[in-house]
Amino acid sequence: MFTMRQSTVFSTRKNEVYFFSPPHIVSQTGVVEVKENTRKDRWTPEDDRILADTVIESVKNGGTQLGAFADAAEKLGRTKQACGFRWNKTLRKIHSAELEAAQKKPEHHLKSHLKQAMSGFDELSESYMRLKKEHEALAREHHRLLAWLSKGVSFIEKQDS
């Protein structure tokens, strides 16, 4: 049925017994893999530095803190939830000035992009107005030529009859 080699009871639920046998959980129905190294008990100063650098760099580049937690989790071999908890509980207060500076940086990029968009819009508006005037002039010329052709056709038809 299942092996109990160096296993301990992990959980019971709905008549199923799960046993923990690192690095995976073995149940009566099969094996469910669990990532290795997803649990570490203590945060080292190096772990804190990596997490803080990852979050601040992500925010500087316009990313989210949640995305940074996922990136840091991969680097540190922890879960993104653990990284988020550590950041919000401990490191956010310590690095608040750096985080504020990082959050302001994308605004400057946003303002410059907004200025570019507005100048682009102004250029498009000017081009549209120029093309509209040219179209109106061509439409008038078109109607003038149609009238001239109509007179020419009438003149030829009178000559032939």
N, C-alpha and C. Protein backbone atom coordinates (compact mmCIF):
# COMPACT_ATOMS: atom_id res chain seq x y z
N MET A 1 0.82 -1.19 0.00
CA MET A 1 0.00 0.00 0.00
C MET A 1 0.87 1.26 0.00
N PHE A 2 1.63 1.56 1.06
CA PHE A 2 2.57 2.65 1.07
C PHE A 2 3.67 2.35 2.07
N THR A 3 4.80 3.01 1.89
CA THR A 3 5.93 2.72 2.76
C THR A 3 5.97 3.74 3.89
N MET A 4 6.49 3.30 5.03
CA MET A 4 6.58 4.19 6.18
C MET A 4 8.04 4.36 6.59
N ARG A 5 8.95 4.18 5.68
CA ARG A 5 10.36 4.30 5.96
C ARG A 5 10.69 5.71 6.40
N GLN A 6 11.10 5.91 7.64
CA GLN A 6 11.46 7.19 8.23
C GLN A 6 10.37 8.24 7.97
N SER A 7 9.13 7.86 8.12
CA SER A 7 8.02 8.77 7.89
C SER A 7 7.31 9.07 9.20
N THR A 8 6.66 10.23 9.26
CA THR A 8 5.84 10.58 10.41
C THR A 8 4.48 11.01 9.90
N VAL A 9 3.45 10.90 10.75
CA VAL A 9 2.11 11.28 10.33
C VAL A 9 2.09 12.78 10.08
N PHE A 10 1.58 13.16 8.93
CA PHE A 10 1.51 14.57 8.54
C PHE A 10 0.11 15.11 8.75
N SER A 11 -0.91 14.40 8.29
CA SER A 11 -2.28 14.92 8.37
C SER A 11 -3.25 13.78 8.11
N THR A 12 -4.43 13.89 8.66
CA THR A 12 -5.49 12.94 8.31
C THR A 12 -6.68 13.75 7.84
N ARG A 13 -7.34 13.24 6.81
CA ARG A 13 -8.48 13.95 6.25
C ARG A 13 -9.30 12.97 5.43
N LYS A 14 -10.59 12.92 5.64
CA LYS A 14 -11.51 12.09 4.88
C LYS A 14 -10.98 10.67 4.67
N ASN A 15 -10.64 10.00 5.73
CA ASN A 15 -10.18 8.61 5.70
C ASN A 15 -8.89 8.41 4.92
N GLU A 16 -8.14 9.49 4.66
CA GLU A 16 -6.83 9.34 4.03
C GLU A 16 -5.78 9.73 5.05
N VAL A 17 -4.72 9.00 5.09
CA VAL A 17 -3.62 9.32 5.99
C VAL A 17 -2.44 9.72 5.15
N TYR A 18 -1.88 10.88 5.43
CA TYR A 18 -0.72 11.37 4.71
C TYR A 18 0.50 11.24 5.61
N PHE A 19 1.58 10.80 5.02
CA PHE A 19 2.83 10.68 5.75
C PHE A 19 3.85 11.59 5.11
N PHE A 20 4.65 12.24 5.94
CA PHE A 20 5.69 13.11 5.44
C PHE A 20 6.99 12.33 5.37
N SER A 21 7.54 12.28 4.19
CA SER A 21 8.81 11.61 3.99
C SER A 21 9.63 12.50 3.07
N PRO A 22 10.51 13.31 3.62
CA PRO A 22 11.23 14.31 2.81
C PRO A 22 11.85 13.69 1.58
N PRO A 23 11.85 14.32 0.44
CA PRO A 23 11.29 15.65 0.20
C PRO A 23 9.89 15.62 -0.40
N HIS A 24 9.09 14.62 -0.13
CA HIS A 24 7.75 14.56 -0.70
C HIS A 24 6.76 13.99 0.32
N ILE A 25 5.48 14.17 0.00
CA ILE A 25 4.41 13.64 0.84
C ILE A 25 3.88 12.38 0.17
N VAL A 26 3.75 11.30 0.93
CA VAL A 26 3.26 10.03 0.41
C VAL A 26 1.87 9.79 0.99
N SER A 27 0.90 9.54 0.13
CA SER A 27 -0.46 9.24 0.60
C SER A 27 -0.87 7.87 0.13
N GLN A 28 -2.05 7.43 0.53
CA GLN A 28 -2.57 6.15 0.09
C GLN A 28 -2.86 6.18 -1.41
N THR A 29 -3.09 7.38 -1.96
CA THR A 29 -3.44 7.49 -3.37
C THR A 29 -2.24 7.73 -4.27
N GLY A 30 -1.08 8.02 -3.73
CA GLY A 30 0.09 8.25 -4.57
C GLY A 30 1.06 9.23 -3.94
N VAL A 31 1.96 9.72 -4.76
CA VAL A 31 3.01 10.63 -4.30
C VAL A 31 2.74 12.02 -4.82
N VAL A 32 2.80 13.00 -3.94
CA VAL A 32 2.67 14.41 -4.33
C VAL A 32 4.00 15.07 -4.06
N GLU A 33 4.64 15.63 -5.09
CA GLU A 33 5.95 16.25 -4.91
C GLU A 33 5.82 17.60 -4.23
N VAL A 34 6.76 17.92 -3.39
CA VAL A 34 6.85 19.22 -2.73
C VAL A 34 8.25 19.75 -3.00
N LYS A 35 8.36 21.05 -3.29
CA LYS A 35 9.67 21.63 -3.59
C LYS A 35 10.60 21.45 -2.40
N GLU A 36 11.83 21.12 -2.72
CA GLU A 36 12.83 21.06 -1.67
C GLU A 36 13.24 22.47 -1.29
N ASN A 37 13.74 22.64 -0.11
CA ASN A 37 14.27 23.91 0.38
C ASN A 37 13.24 25.02 0.36
N THR A 38 11.97 24.71 0.57
CA THR A 38 10.97 25.77 0.62
C THR A 38 10.77 26.26 2.05
N ARG A 39 11.38 25.62 3.00
CA ARG A 39 11.22 26.04 4.39
C ARG A 39 12.60 26.32 4.99
N LYS A 40 12.77 27.54 5.46
CA LYS A 40 13.96 27.90 6.22
C LYS A 40 13.46 28.65 7.44
N ASP A 41 14.03 28.38 8.58
CA ASP A 41 13.50 28.98 9.79
C ASP A 41 14.01 30.39 10.04
N ARG A 42 15.27 30.64 9.90
CA ARG A 42 15.83 31.94 10.25
C ARG A 42 16.22 32.73 9.01
N TRP A 43 15.97 34.03 9.09
CA TRP A 43 16.40 34.94 8.02
C TRP A 43 17.78 35.47 8.39
N THR A 44 18.70 35.35 7.47
CA THR A 44 20.04 35.88 7.71
C THR A 44 20.10 37.31 7.19
N PRO A 45 21.09 38.08 7.62
CA PRO A 45 21.25 39.44 7.07
C PRO A 45 21.42 39.42 5.55
N GLU A 46 22.06 38.39 5.03
CA GLU A 46 22.22 38.26 3.58
C GLU A 46 20.88 38.02 2.89
N ASP A 47 20.02 37.19 3.51
CA ASP A 47 18.67 36.96 2.97
C ASP A 47 17.89 38.27 2.95
N ASP A 48 17.99 39.03 4.04
CA ASP A 48 17.29 40.31 4.11
C ASP A 48 17.78 41.27 3.02
N ARG A 49 19.09 41.29 2.79
CA ARG A 49 19.67 42.19 1.77
C ARG A 49 19.17 41.79 0.38
N ILE A 50 19.16 40.49 0.10
CA ILE A 50 18.71 40.02 -1.21
C ILE A 50 17.23 40.36 -1.41
N LEU A 51 16.41 40.13 -0.39
CA LEU A 51 14.99 40.45 -0.49
C LEU A 51 14.77 41.95 -0.70
N ALA A 52 15.44 42.77 0.10
CA ALA A 52 15.28 44.23 -0.02
C ALA A 52 15.75 44.71 -1.39
N ASP A 53 16.90 44.26 -1.84
CA ASP A 53 17.41 44.68 -3.15
C ASP A 53 16.47 44.26 -4.27
N THR A 54 15.92 43.06 -4.17
CA THR A 54 15.01 42.56 -5.20
C THR A 54 13.73 43.39 -5.25
N VAL A 55 13.16 43.70 -4.09
CA VAL A 55 11.92 44.47 -4.05
C VAL A 55 12.16 45.89 -4.57
N ILE A 56 13.20 46.54 -4.10
CA ILE A 56 13.47 47.92 -4.50
C ILE A 56 13.79 48.00 -5.98
N GLU A 57 14.57 47.07 -6.49
CA GLU A 57 14.90 47.07 -7.92
C GLU A 57 13.65 46.84 -8.77
N SER A 58 12.78 45.94 -8.33
CA SER A 58 11.55 45.68 -9.06
C SER A 58 10.67 46.92 -9.11
N VAL A 59 10.53 47.61 -7.99
CA VAL A 59 9.70 48.81 -7.94
C VAL A 59 10.32 49.91 -8.80
N LYS A 60 11.65 50.04 -8.78
CA LYS A 60 12.32 51.04 -9.62
C LYS A 60 12.02 50.81 -11.10
N ASN A 61 11.94 49.55 -11.48
CA ASN A 61 11.69 49.22 -12.88
C ASN A 61 10.21 49.17 -13.23
N GLY A 62 9.37 49.64 -12.31
CA GLY A 62 7.94 49.69 -12.58
C GLY A 62 7.20 48.40 -12.27
N GLY A 63 7.87 47.43 -11.65
CA GLY A 63 7.22 46.17 -11.28
C GLY A 63 6.48 46.29 -9.97
N THR A 64 5.87 45.20 -9.56
CA THR A 64 5.11 45.19 -8.31
C THR A 64 5.90 44.50 -7.22
N GLN A 65 5.52 44.78 -5.98
CA GLN A 65 6.15 44.09 -4.87
C GLN A 65 5.82 42.60 -4.91
N LEU A 66 4.60 42.25 -5.31
CA LEU A 66 4.23 40.83 -5.39
C LEU A 66 5.13 40.09 -6.37
N GLY A 67 5.42 40.71 -7.51
CA GLY A 67 6.33 40.10 -8.47
C GLY A 67 7.72 39.96 -7.89
N ALA A 68 8.13 40.96 -7.12
CA ALA A 68 9.45 40.91 -6.49
C ALA A 68 9.52 39.79 -5.45
N PHE A 69 8.42 39.56 -4.73
CA PHE A 69 8.40 38.47 -3.75
C PHE A 69 8.61 37.13 -4.44
N ALA A 70 8.00 36.95 -5.61
CA ALA A 70 8.17 35.70 -6.36
C ALA A 70 9.61 35.54 -6.82
N ASP A 71 10.22 36.64 -7.32
CA ASP A 71 11.62 36.60 -7.75
C ASP A 71 12.54 36.28 -6.57
N ALA A 72 12.31 36.96 -5.45
CA ALA A 72 13.14 36.73 -4.27
C ALA A 72 12.98 35.31 -3.75
N ALA A 73 11.76 34.78 -3.84
CA ALA A 73 11.52 33.41 -3.37
C ALA A 73 12.39 32.42 -4.13
N GLU A 74 12.51 32.63 -5.44
CA GLU A 74 13.36 31.74 -6.23
C GLU A 74 14.82 31.87 -5.82
N LYS A 75 15.27 33.11 -5.61
CA LYS A 75 16.67 33.34 -5.24
C LYS A 75 17.00 32.76 -3.86
N LEU A 76 16.03 32.85 -2.95
CA LEU A 76 16.29 32.48 -1.56
C LEU A 76 15.86 31.07 -1.20
N GLY A 77 15.13 30.41 -2.10
CA GLY A 77 14.64 29.07 -1.79
C GLY A 77 13.54 29.10 -0.73
N ARG A 78 12.72 30.15 -0.77
CA ARG A 78 11.61 30.30 0.16
C ARG A 78 10.33 30.49 -0.64
N THR A 79 9.20 30.57 0.05
CA THR A 79 7.95 30.84 -0.65
C THR A 79 7.78 32.34 -0.82
N LYS A 80 6.96 32.72 -1.81
CA LYS A 80 6.71 34.15 -2.00
C LYS A 80 5.92 34.72 -0.83
N GLN A 81 5.13 33.88 -0.17
CA GLN A 81 4.39 34.33 1.00
C GLN A 81 5.35 34.66 2.14
N ALA A 82 6.36 33.82 2.34
CA ALA A 82 7.35 34.07 3.39
C ALA A 82 8.11 35.36 3.10
N CYS A 83 8.46 35.56 1.83
CA CYS A 83 9.16 36.79 1.46
C CYS A 83 8.28 38.02 1.68
N GLY A 84 7.02 37.92 1.32
CA GLY A 84 6.09 39.02 1.53
C GLY A 84 5.90 39.33 3.00
N PHE A 85 5.78 38.30 3.81
CA PHE A 85 5.61 38.50 5.24
C PHE A 85 6.84 39.17 5.84
N ARG A 86 8.01 38.68 5.46
CA ARG A 86 9.25 39.25 6.00
C ARG A 86 9.39 40.72 5.59
N TRP A 87 9.07 41.01 4.33
CA TRP A 87 9.16 42.39 3.84
C TRP A 87 8.19 43.29 4.61
N ASN A 88 6.94 42.88 4.69
CA ASN A 88 5.93 43.74 5.32
C ASN A 88 6.10 43.86 6.83
N LYS A 89 6.56 42.81 7.47
CA LYS A 89 6.68 42.80 8.93
C LYS A 89 7.95 43.49 9.40
N THR A 90 9.06 43.35 8.68
CA THR A 90 10.34 43.81 9.18
C THR A 90 11.05 44.80 8.26
N LEU A 91 11.22 44.43 7.01
CA LEU A 91 12.12 45.19 6.13
C LEU A 91 11.51 46.47 5.56
N ARG A 92 10.21 46.50 5.39
CA ARG A 92 9.58 47.70 4.80
C ARG A 92 9.89 48.94 5.63
N LYS A 93 9.84 48.82 6.94
CA LYS A 93 10.13 49.97 7.82
C LYS A 93 11.57 50.41 7.67
N ILE A 94 12.47 49.46 7.59
CA ILE A 94 13.90 49.76 7.50
C ILE A 94 14.23 50.43 6.17
N HIS A 95 13.60 49.99 5.09
CA HIS A 95 13.92 50.47 3.75
C HIS A 95 12.86 51.42 3.19
N SER A 96 12.11 52.09 4.06
CA SER A 96 11.01 52.94 3.60
C SER A 96 11.49 54.09 2.71
N ALA A 97 12.63 54.71 3.04
CA ALA A 97 13.14 55.83 2.23
C ALA A 97 13.54 55.34 0.84
N GLU A 98 14.21 54.20 0.77
CA GLU A 98 14.61 53.64 -0.53
C GLU A 98 13.38 53.26 -1.36
N LEU A 99 12.37 52.70 -0.69
CA LEU A 99 11.15 52.30 -1.39
C LEU A 99 10.43 53.53 -1.94
N GLU A 100 10.34 54.60 -1.14
CA GLU A 100 9.70 55.83 -1.62
C GLU A 100 10.43 56.39 -2.83
N ALA A 101 11.76 56.41 -2.77
CA ALA A 101 12.55 56.90 -3.91
C ALA A 101 12.32 56.03 -5.14
N ALA A 102 12.24 54.74 -4.95
CA ALA A 102 12.01 53.82 -6.07
C ALA A 102 10.63 54.02 -6.65
N GLN A 103 9.64 54.30 -5.79
CA GLN A 103 8.28 54.51 -6.26
C GLN A 103 8.14 55.81 -7.02
N LYS A 104 8.97 56.80 -6.71
CA LYS A 104 8.90 58.08 -7.41
C LYS A 104 9.52 57.98 -8.79
N LYS A 105 10.52 57.15 -8.96
CA LYS A 105 11.21 57.05 -10.24
C LYS A 105 10.28 56.71 -11.41
N PRO A 106 9.40 55.70 -11.30
CA PRO A 106 8.52 55.42 -12.43
C PRO A 106 7.59 56.59 -12.77
N GLU A 107 7.24 57.42 -11.76
CA GLU A 107 6.40 58.57 -12.06
C GLU A 107 7.09 59.49 -13.05
N HIS A 108 8.39 59.69 -12.87
CA HIS A 108 9.12 60.55 -13.80
C HIS A 108 9.09 59.95 -15.19
N HIS A 109 9.27 58.63 -15.27
CA HIS A 109 9.18 57.97 -16.56
C HIS A 109 7.77 58.13 -17.13
N LEU A 110 6.78 58.00 -16.26
CA LEU A 110 5.40 58.13 -16.69
C LEU A 110 5.14 59.53 -17.22
N LYS A 111 5.65 60.55 -16.52
CA LYS A 111 5.45 61.92 -16.98
C LYS A 111 6.13 62.15 -18.32
N SER A 112 7.33 61.63 -18.50
CA SER A 112 8.01 61.82 -19.79
C SER A 112 7.26 61.08 -20.89
N HIS A 113 6.72 59.88 -20.58
CA HIS A 113 5.93 59.16 -21.58
C HIS A 113 4.64 59.92 -21.89
N LEU A 114 4.06 60.53 -20.87
CA LEU A 114 2.85 61.31 -21.07
C LEU A 114 3.14 62.53 -21.94
N LYS A 115 4.28 63.18 -21.70
CA LYS A 115 4.67 64.33 -22.53
C LYS A 115 4.86 63.89 -23.98
N GLN A 116 5.52 62.75 -24.17
CA GLN A 116 5.72 62.24 -25.52
C GLN A 116 4.38 61.94 -26.18
N ALA A 117 3.49 61.35 -25.43
CA ALA A 117 2.17 61.03 -25.99
C ALA A 117 1.42 62.30 -26.36
N MET A 118 1.51 63.31 -25.51
CA MET A 118 0.81 64.56 -25.79
C MET A 118 1.41 65.25 -27.01
N SER A 119 2.74 65.29 -27.09
CA SER A 119 3.35 65.91 -28.27
C SER A 119 3.03 65.10 -29.52
N GLY A 120 2.99 63.78 -29.38
CA GLY A 120 2.59 62.94 -30.50
C GLY A 120 1.15 63.21 -30.91
N PHE A 121 0.29 63.41 -29.91
CA PHE A 121 -1.11 63.73 -30.19
C PHE A 121 -1.21 65.07 -30.91
N ASP A 122 -0.43 66.06 -30.44
CA ASP A 122 -0.44 67.38 -31.09
C ASP A 122 0.01 67.27 -32.54
N GLU A 123 1.07 66.49 -32.78
CA GLU A 123 1.55 66.30 -34.15
C GLU A 123 0.49 65.63 -35.01
N LEU A 124 -0.17 64.61 -34.45
CA LEU A 124 -1.23 63.92 -35.19
C LEU A 124 -2.40 64.86 -35.48
N SER A 125 -2.74 65.71 -34.52
CA SER A 125 -3.83 66.66 -34.73
C SER A 125 -3.49 67.64 -35.85
N GLU A 126 -2.26 68.13 -35.84
CA GLU A 126 -1.83 69.05 -36.90
C GLU A 126 -1.86 68.35 -38.26
N SER A 127 -1.36 67.14 -38.31
CA SER A 127 -1.36 66.38 -39.57
C SER A 127 -2.79 66.13 -40.04
N TYR A 128 -3.66 65.81 -39.10
CA TYR A 128 -5.07 65.57 -39.45
C TYR A 128 -5.69 66.82 -40.06
N MET A 129 -5.46 67.97 -39.44
CA MET A 129 -6.05 69.22 -39.95
C MET A 129 -5.49 69.55 -41.34
N ARG A 130 -4.18 69.35 -41.55
CA ARG A 130 -3.56 69.60 -42.85
C ARG A 130 -4.16 68.68 -43.91
N LEU A 131 -4.29 67.40 -43.57
CA LEU A 131 -4.87 66.44 -44.52
C LEU A 131 -6.34 66.73 -44.79
N LYS A 132 -7.05 67.18 -43.78
CA LYS A 132 -8.46 67.52 -43.97
C LYS A 132 -8.61 68.67 -44.96
N LYS A 133 -7.75 69.70 -44.84
CA LYS A 133 -7.78 70.84 -45.77
C LYS A 133 -7.43 70.38 -47.18
N GLU A 134 -6.40 69.52 -47.30
CA GLU A 134 -6.02 69.01 -48.62
C GLU A 134 -7.16 68.19 -49.23
N HIS A 135 -7.83 67.39 -48.41
CA HIS A 135 -8.95 66.59 -48.88
C HIS A 135 -10.08 67.49 -49.39
N GLU A 136 -10.38 68.53 -48.63
CA GLU A 136 -11.44 69.46 -49.05
C GLU A 136 -11.08 70.13 -50.37
N ALA A 137 -9.79 70.53 -50.54
CA ALA A 137 -9.36 71.16 -51.79
C ALA A 137 -9.48 70.16 -52.94
N LEU A 138 -9.07 68.92 -52.71
CA LEU A 138 -9.17 67.90 -53.76
C LEU A 138 -10.63 67.60 -54.10
N ALA A 139 -11.50 67.61 -53.09
CA ALA A 139 -12.93 67.37 -53.35
C ALA A 139 -13.50 68.49 -54.22
N ARG A 140 -13.12 69.73 -53.93
CA ARG A 140 -13.59 70.85 -54.76
C ARG A 140 -13.09 70.71 -56.20
N GLU A 141 -11.81 70.34 -56.35
CA GLU A 141 -11.23 70.15 -57.69
C GLU A 141 -11.94 69.01 -58.42
N HIS A 142 -12.25 67.94 -57.70
CA HIS A 142 -12.96 66.79 -58.26
C HIS A 142 -14.33 67.23 -58.79
N HIS A 143 -15.07 67.97 -58.00
CA HIS A 143 -16.39 68.45 -58.43
C HIS A 143 -16.26 69.40 -59.63
N ARG A 144 -15.25 70.24 -59.66
CA ARG A 144 -15.02 71.16 -60.79
C ARG A 144 -14.74 70.37 -62.06
N LEU A 145 -13.89 69.32 -61.94
CA LEU A 145 -13.57 68.50 -63.11
C LEU A 145 -14.78 67.71 -63.59
N LEU A 146 -15.60 67.20 -62.65
CA LEU A 146 -16.82 66.49 -63.06
C LEU A 146 -17.78 67.42 -63.82
N ALA A 147 -17.89 68.64 -63.34
CA ALA A 147 -18.75 69.62 -64.02
C ALA A 147 -18.20 69.92 -65.42
N TRP A 148 -16.88 70.08 -65.55
CA TRP A 148 -16.25 70.36 -66.83
C TRP A 148 -16.47 69.20 -67.80
N LEU A 149 -16.28 67.94 -67.27
CA LEU A 149 -16.51 66.77 -68.12
C LEU A 149 -17.97 66.67 -68.55
N SER A 150 -18.87 66.95 -67.65
CA SER A 150 -20.29 66.92 -67.98
C SER A 150 -20.60 67.91 -69.10
N LYS A 151 -20.03 69.10 -69.04
CA LYS A 151 -20.23 70.10 -70.10
C LYS A 151 -19.63 69.60 -71.41
N GLY A 152 -18.46 68.97 -71.31
CA GLY A 152 -17.81 68.45 -72.51
C GLY A 152 -18.65 67.36 -73.16
N VAL A 153 -19.21 66.46 -72.36
CA VAL A 153 -20.05 65.38 -72.87
C VAL A 153 -21.29 65.98 -73.51
N SER A 154 -21.91 66.96 -72.87
CA SER A 154 -23.10 67.62 -73.44
C SER A 154 -22.75 68.29 -74.76
N PHE A 155 -21.61 68.94 -74.84
CA PHE A 155 -21.19 69.62 -76.06
C PHE A 155 -21.00 68.62 -77.19
N ILE A 156 -20.35 67.47 -76.88
CA ILE A 156 -20.11 66.44 -77.90
C ILE A 156 -21.43 65.84 -78.34
N GLU A 157 -22.34 65.59 -77.43
CA GLU A 157 -23.64 65.01 -77.79
C GLU A 157 -24.42 65.97 -78.68
N LYS A 158 -24.32 67.28 -78.47
CA LYS A 158 -24.99 68.26 -79.31
C LYS A 158 -24.37 68.27 -80.70
N GLN A 159 -23.07 68.09 -80.76
CA GLN A 159 -22.36 68.10 -82.05
C GLN A 159 -22.78 66.88 -82.88
N ASP A 160 -22.95 65.72 -82.19
CA ASP A 160 -23.30 64.49 -82.89
C ASP A 160 -24.77 64.47 -83.32
N SER A 161 -25.62 65.20 -82.72
CA SER A 161 -27.02 65.11 -83.10
C SER A 161 -27.44 66.09 -84.13
